[in-house]
Amino acid sequence: MSIAVPEGTQLYFFGSVTSSPSPNDLDVLVVYDAGCIPPCSIYDALEPAFSDLRRLFGLRVHPTVLTENEAAETDFIARFGCVKAEAGGLDV
């Protein structure tokens, strides 16, 4: 199954889903280009992907959504050991 993410977004996993065989939830980081998707529209644009992830993993999705600038300023990816999903979508 392939889960498509909107153009201008990058999907990462972090938290227990990256380290536990039985995670309680699915922590997802989405880094997006605010020039491609306006901040006021990002959650609506991501909902189909989040819905697919819930269905696929059977877990609650806890999204963290940051612009590219916010991700760089906070160093979120390195600080939380985020693992990038396959480019162009998530193949499982």
N, C-alpha and C. Protein backbone atom coordinates (compact mmCIF):
# COMPACT_ATOMS: atom_id res chain seq x y z
N MET A 1 0.85 -1.18 0.00
CA MET A 1 0.00 0.00 0.00
C MET A 1 0.89 1.24 0.00
N SER A 2 0.54 2.20 -0.79
CA SER A 2 1.29 3.45 -0.86
C SER A 2 0.44 4.58 -0.31
N ILE A 3 1.03 5.37 0.56
CA ILE A 3 0.34 6.52 1.13
C ILE A 3 0.97 7.78 0.55
N ALA A 4 0.21 8.46 -0.27
CA ALA A 4 0.73 9.67 -0.92
C ALA A 4 0.62 10.85 0.03
N VAL A 5 1.67 11.63 0.03
CA VAL A 5 1.65 12.88 0.80
C VAL A 5 1.64 14.03 -0.20
N PRO A 6 1.07 15.16 0.19
CA PRO A 6 0.98 16.28 -0.75
C PRO A 6 2.35 16.77 -1.23
N GLU A 7 2.38 17.29 -2.44
CA GLU A 7 3.58 17.92 -2.98
C GLU A 7 4.07 18.99 -2.02
N GLY A 8 5.37 19.05 -1.81
CA GLY A 8 5.94 20.06 -0.92
C GLY A 8 5.98 19.65 0.54
N THR A 9 5.72 18.34 0.82
CA THR A 9 5.77 17.86 2.19
C THR A 9 6.76 16.72 2.32
N GLN A 10 7.29 16.57 3.53
CA GLN A 10 8.17 15.46 3.87
C GLN A 10 7.61 14.81 5.13
N LEU A 11 7.55 13.51 5.16
CA LEU A 11 6.96 12.77 6.26
C LEU A 11 8.05 12.04 7.03
N TYR A 12 8.00 12.15 8.36
CA TYR A 12 8.95 11.49 9.25
C TYR A 12 8.18 10.79 10.37
N PHE A 13 8.79 9.74 10.91
CA PHE A 13 8.26 9.08 12.09
C PHE A 13 9.23 9.30 13.24
N PHE A 14 8.68 9.35 14.45
CA PHE A 14 9.53 9.47 15.64
C PHE A 14 8.79 8.87 16.82
N GLY A 15 9.45 8.83 17.95
CA GLY A 15 8.81 8.29 19.16
C GLY A 15 8.81 6.77 19.16
N SER A 16 7.83 6.20 19.87
CA SER A 16 7.82 4.76 20.09
C SER A 16 7.67 3.94 18.82
N VAL A 17 7.09 4.52 17.78
CA VAL A 17 6.93 3.75 16.54
C VAL A 17 8.27 3.40 15.90
N THR A 18 9.30 4.16 16.22
CA THR A 18 10.63 3.88 15.66
C THR A 18 11.47 2.97 16.54
N SER A 19 11.00 2.70 17.77
CA SER A 19 11.84 1.94 18.68
C SER A 19 11.14 0.79 19.39
N SER A 20 9.83 0.69 19.27
CA SER A 20 9.09 -0.33 20.01
C SER A 20 8.35 -1.26 19.05
N PRO A 21 8.34 -2.56 19.35
CA PRO A 21 7.57 -3.47 18.51
C PRO A 21 6.05 -3.30 18.71
N SER A 22 5.66 -2.64 19.80
CA SER A 22 4.23 -2.44 20.10
C SER A 22 3.97 -0.99 20.50
N PRO A 23 4.08 -0.06 19.56
CA PRO A 23 3.84 1.35 19.92
C PRO A 23 2.38 1.60 20.27
N ASN A 24 2.14 2.62 21.11
CA ASN A 24 0.78 2.98 21.51
C ASN A 24 0.13 3.94 20.53
N ASP A 25 0.94 4.66 19.78
CA ASP A 25 0.43 5.64 18.84
C ASP A 25 1.47 5.84 17.74
N LEU A 26 1.12 6.68 16.80
CA LEU A 26 2.00 6.93 15.66
C LEU A 26 2.37 8.42 15.65
N ASP A 27 3.57 8.72 16.12
CA ASP A 27 4.05 10.10 16.11
C ASP A 27 4.60 10.40 14.72
N VAL A 28 4.02 11.40 14.08
CA VAL A 28 4.37 11.75 12.70
C VAL A 28 4.77 13.22 12.65
N LEU A 29 5.90 13.48 12.04
CA LEU A 29 6.31 14.85 11.76
C LEU A 29 6.12 15.10 10.28
N VAL A 30 5.45 16.19 9.96
CA VAL A 30 5.33 16.62 8.58
C VAL A 30 6.03 17.98 8.47
N VAL A 31 7.00 18.05 7.58
CA VAL A 31 7.69 19.31 7.29
C VAL A 31 7.20 19.73 5.91
N TYR A 32 6.73 20.97 5.82
CA TYR A 32 6.16 21.39 4.54
C TYR A 32 6.66 22.75 4.10
N ASP A 33 6.57 22.96 2.80
CA ASP A 33 6.94 24.21 2.16
C ASP A 33 5.72 25.11 2.18
N ALA A 34 5.76 26.17 2.97
CA ALA A 34 4.62 27.08 3.09
C ALA A 34 4.35 27.84 1.80
N GLY A 35 5.30 27.82 0.87
CA GLY A 35 5.08 28.42 -0.44
C GLY A 35 4.22 27.53 -1.34
N CYS A 36 4.21 26.22 -1.06
CA CYS A 36 3.40 25.27 -1.84
C CYS A 36 2.01 25.08 -1.24
N ILE A 37 1.96 25.01 0.08
CA ILE A 37 0.70 24.79 0.78
C ILE A 37 0.58 25.87 1.85
N PRO A 38 -0.45 26.70 1.78
CA PRO A 38 -0.62 27.74 2.79
C PRO A 38 -0.85 27.13 4.18
N PRO A 39 -0.29 27.73 5.22
CA PRO A 39 -0.47 27.19 6.57
C PRO A 39 -1.94 26.97 6.95
N CYS A 40 -2.84 27.79 6.45
CA CYS A 40 -4.26 27.62 6.80
C CYS A 40 -4.87 26.39 6.15
N SER A 41 -4.20 25.78 5.19
CA SER A 41 -4.73 24.62 4.47
C SER A 41 -4.00 23.31 4.76
N ILE A 42 -2.92 23.36 5.51
CA ILE A 42 -2.05 22.19 5.63
C ILE A 42 -2.75 20.99 6.27
N TYR A 43 -3.53 21.18 7.33
CA TYR A 43 -4.17 20.03 7.97
C TYR A 43 -5.20 19.38 7.06
N ASP A 44 -5.94 20.18 6.32
CA ASP A 44 -6.90 19.61 5.36
C ASP A 44 -6.17 18.83 4.28
N ALA A 45 -5.03 19.35 3.82
CA ALA A 45 -4.26 18.67 2.77
C ALA A 45 -3.68 17.34 3.27
N LEU A 46 -3.39 17.27 4.56
CA LEU A 46 -2.77 16.07 5.12
C LEU A 46 -3.77 15.03 5.61
N GLU A 47 -5.02 15.39 5.79
CA GLU A 47 -5.99 14.47 6.39
C GLU A 47 -6.10 13.14 5.65
N PRO A 48 -6.11 13.09 4.31
CA PRO A 48 -6.16 11.78 3.65
C PRO A 48 -4.97 10.88 4.03
N ALA A 49 -3.78 11.44 4.12
CA ALA A 49 -2.61 10.66 4.50
C ALA A 49 -2.73 10.19 5.95
N PHE A 50 -3.19 11.06 6.84
CA PHE A 50 -3.37 10.67 8.25
C PHE A 50 -4.42 9.57 8.37
N SER A 51 -5.48 9.67 7.61
CA SER A 51 -6.53 8.65 7.62
C SER A 51 -5.98 7.31 7.15
N ASP A 52 -5.19 7.32 6.08
CA ASP A 52 -4.57 6.09 5.59
C ASP A 52 -3.63 5.49 6.63
N LEU A 53 -2.86 6.33 7.32
CA LEU A 53 -1.95 5.84 8.35
C LEU A 53 -2.71 5.21 9.51
N ARG A 54 -3.82 5.84 9.94
CA ARG A 54 -4.65 5.26 11.01
C ARG A 54 -5.16 3.88 10.60
N ARG A 55 -5.66 3.79 9.39
CA ARG A 55 -6.21 2.53 8.90
C ARG A 55 -5.11 1.47 8.77
N LEU A 56 -3.97 1.84 8.25
CA LEU A 56 -2.89 0.90 8.02
C LEU A 56 -2.30 0.35 9.32
N PHE A 57 -2.00 1.25 10.26
CA PHE A 57 -1.33 0.85 11.49
C PHE A 57 -2.29 0.53 12.63
N GLY A 58 -3.53 0.97 12.53
CA GLY A 58 -4.49 0.75 13.62
C GLY A 58 -4.12 1.52 14.87
N LEU A 59 -3.44 2.65 14.69
CA LEU A 59 -2.99 3.47 15.81
C LEU A 59 -3.48 4.90 15.63
N ARG A 60 -3.61 5.60 16.76
CA ARG A 60 -3.89 7.03 16.69
C ARG A 60 -2.68 7.74 16.09
N VAL A 61 -2.94 8.70 15.25
CA VAL A 61 -1.87 9.50 14.65
C VAL A 61 -1.74 10.79 15.43
N HIS A 62 -0.55 11.05 15.92
CA HIS A 62 -0.25 12.31 16.62
C HIS A 62 0.67 13.13 15.72
N PRO A 63 0.09 14.04 14.94
CA PRO A 63 0.91 14.81 14.01
C PRO A 63 1.58 16.02 14.64
N THR A 64 2.79 16.27 14.23
CA THR A 64 3.48 17.52 14.48
C THR A 64 3.75 18.08 13.10
N VAL A 65 3.28 19.28 12.84
CA VAL A 65 3.37 19.86 11.51
C VAL A 65 4.16 21.16 11.60
N LEU A 66 5.27 21.22 10.88
CA LEU A 66 6.16 22.38 10.91
C LEU A 66 6.49 22.84 9.49
N THR A 67 6.62 24.13 9.32
CA THR A 67 7.15 24.63 8.06
C THR A 67 8.63 24.26 7.98
N GLU A 68 9.20 24.36 6.80
CA GLU A 68 10.63 24.08 6.65
C GLU A 68 11.46 24.98 7.56
N ASN A 69 11.07 26.25 7.66
CA ASN A 69 11.80 27.19 8.52
C ASN A 69 11.69 26.80 9.99
N GLU A 70 10.49 26.42 10.43
CA GLU A 70 10.30 26.00 11.82
C GLU A 70 11.12 24.76 12.14
N ALA A 71 11.14 23.81 11.22
CA ALA A 71 11.91 22.58 11.44
C ALA A 71 13.40 22.89 11.57
N ALA A 72 13.89 23.80 10.73
CA ALA A 72 15.30 24.17 10.79
C ALA A 72 15.62 24.93 12.07
N GLU A 73 14.76 25.87 12.44
CA GLU A 73 15.00 26.68 13.64
C GLU A 73 14.99 25.86 14.92
N THR A 74 14.13 24.86 14.99
CA THR A 74 14.01 24.05 16.20
C THR A 74 14.90 22.82 16.21
N ASP A 75 15.48 22.47 15.05
CA ASP A 75 16.30 21.26 14.91
C ASP A 75 15.52 20.02 15.35
N PHE A 76 14.20 20.03 15.08
CA PHE A 76 13.29 18.98 15.54
C PHE A 76 13.73 17.59 15.07
N ILE A 77 14.10 17.48 13.81
CA ILE A 77 14.43 16.17 13.24
C ILE A 77 15.58 15.52 13.99
N ALA A 78 16.64 16.25 14.24
CA ALA A 78 17.79 15.70 14.96
C ALA A 78 17.47 15.50 16.44
N ARG A 79 16.80 16.46 17.04
CA ARG A 79 16.51 16.38 18.48
C ARG A 79 15.65 15.17 18.84
N PHE A 80 14.73 14.80 17.96
CA PHE A 80 13.82 13.70 18.26
C PHE A 80 14.12 12.42 17.48
N GLY A 81 15.23 12.39 16.76
CA GLY A 81 15.63 11.19 16.04
C GLY A 81 14.61 10.74 15.00
N CYS A 82 14.09 11.69 14.26
CA CYS A 82 13.05 11.38 13.26
C CYS A 82 13.61 10.55 12.11
N VAL A 83 12.78 9.62 11.63
CA VAL A 83 13.15 8.74 10.53
C VAL A 83 12.28 9.12 9.34
N LYS A 84 12.93 9.49 8.24
CA LYS A 84 12.21 9.95 7.05
C LYS A 84 11.54 8.79 6.33
N ALA A 85 10.29 9.01 5.93
CA ALA A 85 9.56 8.04 5.11
C ALA A 85 10.09 8.09 3.69
N GLU A 86 9.80 7.11 2.92
CA GLU A 86 10.21 7.02 1.52
C GLU A 86 9.75 8.24 0.75
N ALA A 87 10.59 8.78 -0.12
CA ALA A 87 10.24 9.94 -0.94
C ALA A 87 9.05 9.62 -1.83
N GLY A 88 8.14 10.57 -1.95
CA GLY A 88 6.98 10.40 -2.82
C GLY A 88 5.84 9.66 -2.17
N GLY A 89 6.00 9.30 -0.94
CA GLY A 89 4.94 8.58 -0.24
C GLY A 89 5.54 7.48 0.62
N LEU A 90 4.70 6.81 1.32
CA LEU A 90 5.14 5.73 2.21
C LEU A 90 4.69 4.41 1.62
N ASP A 91 5.64 3.56 1.31
CA ASP A 91 5.31 2.23 0.79
C ASP A 91 5.42 1.22 1.92
N VAL A 92 4.33 0.52 2.16
CA VAL A 92 4.32 -0.51 3.21
C VAL A 92 3.73 -1.79 2.68
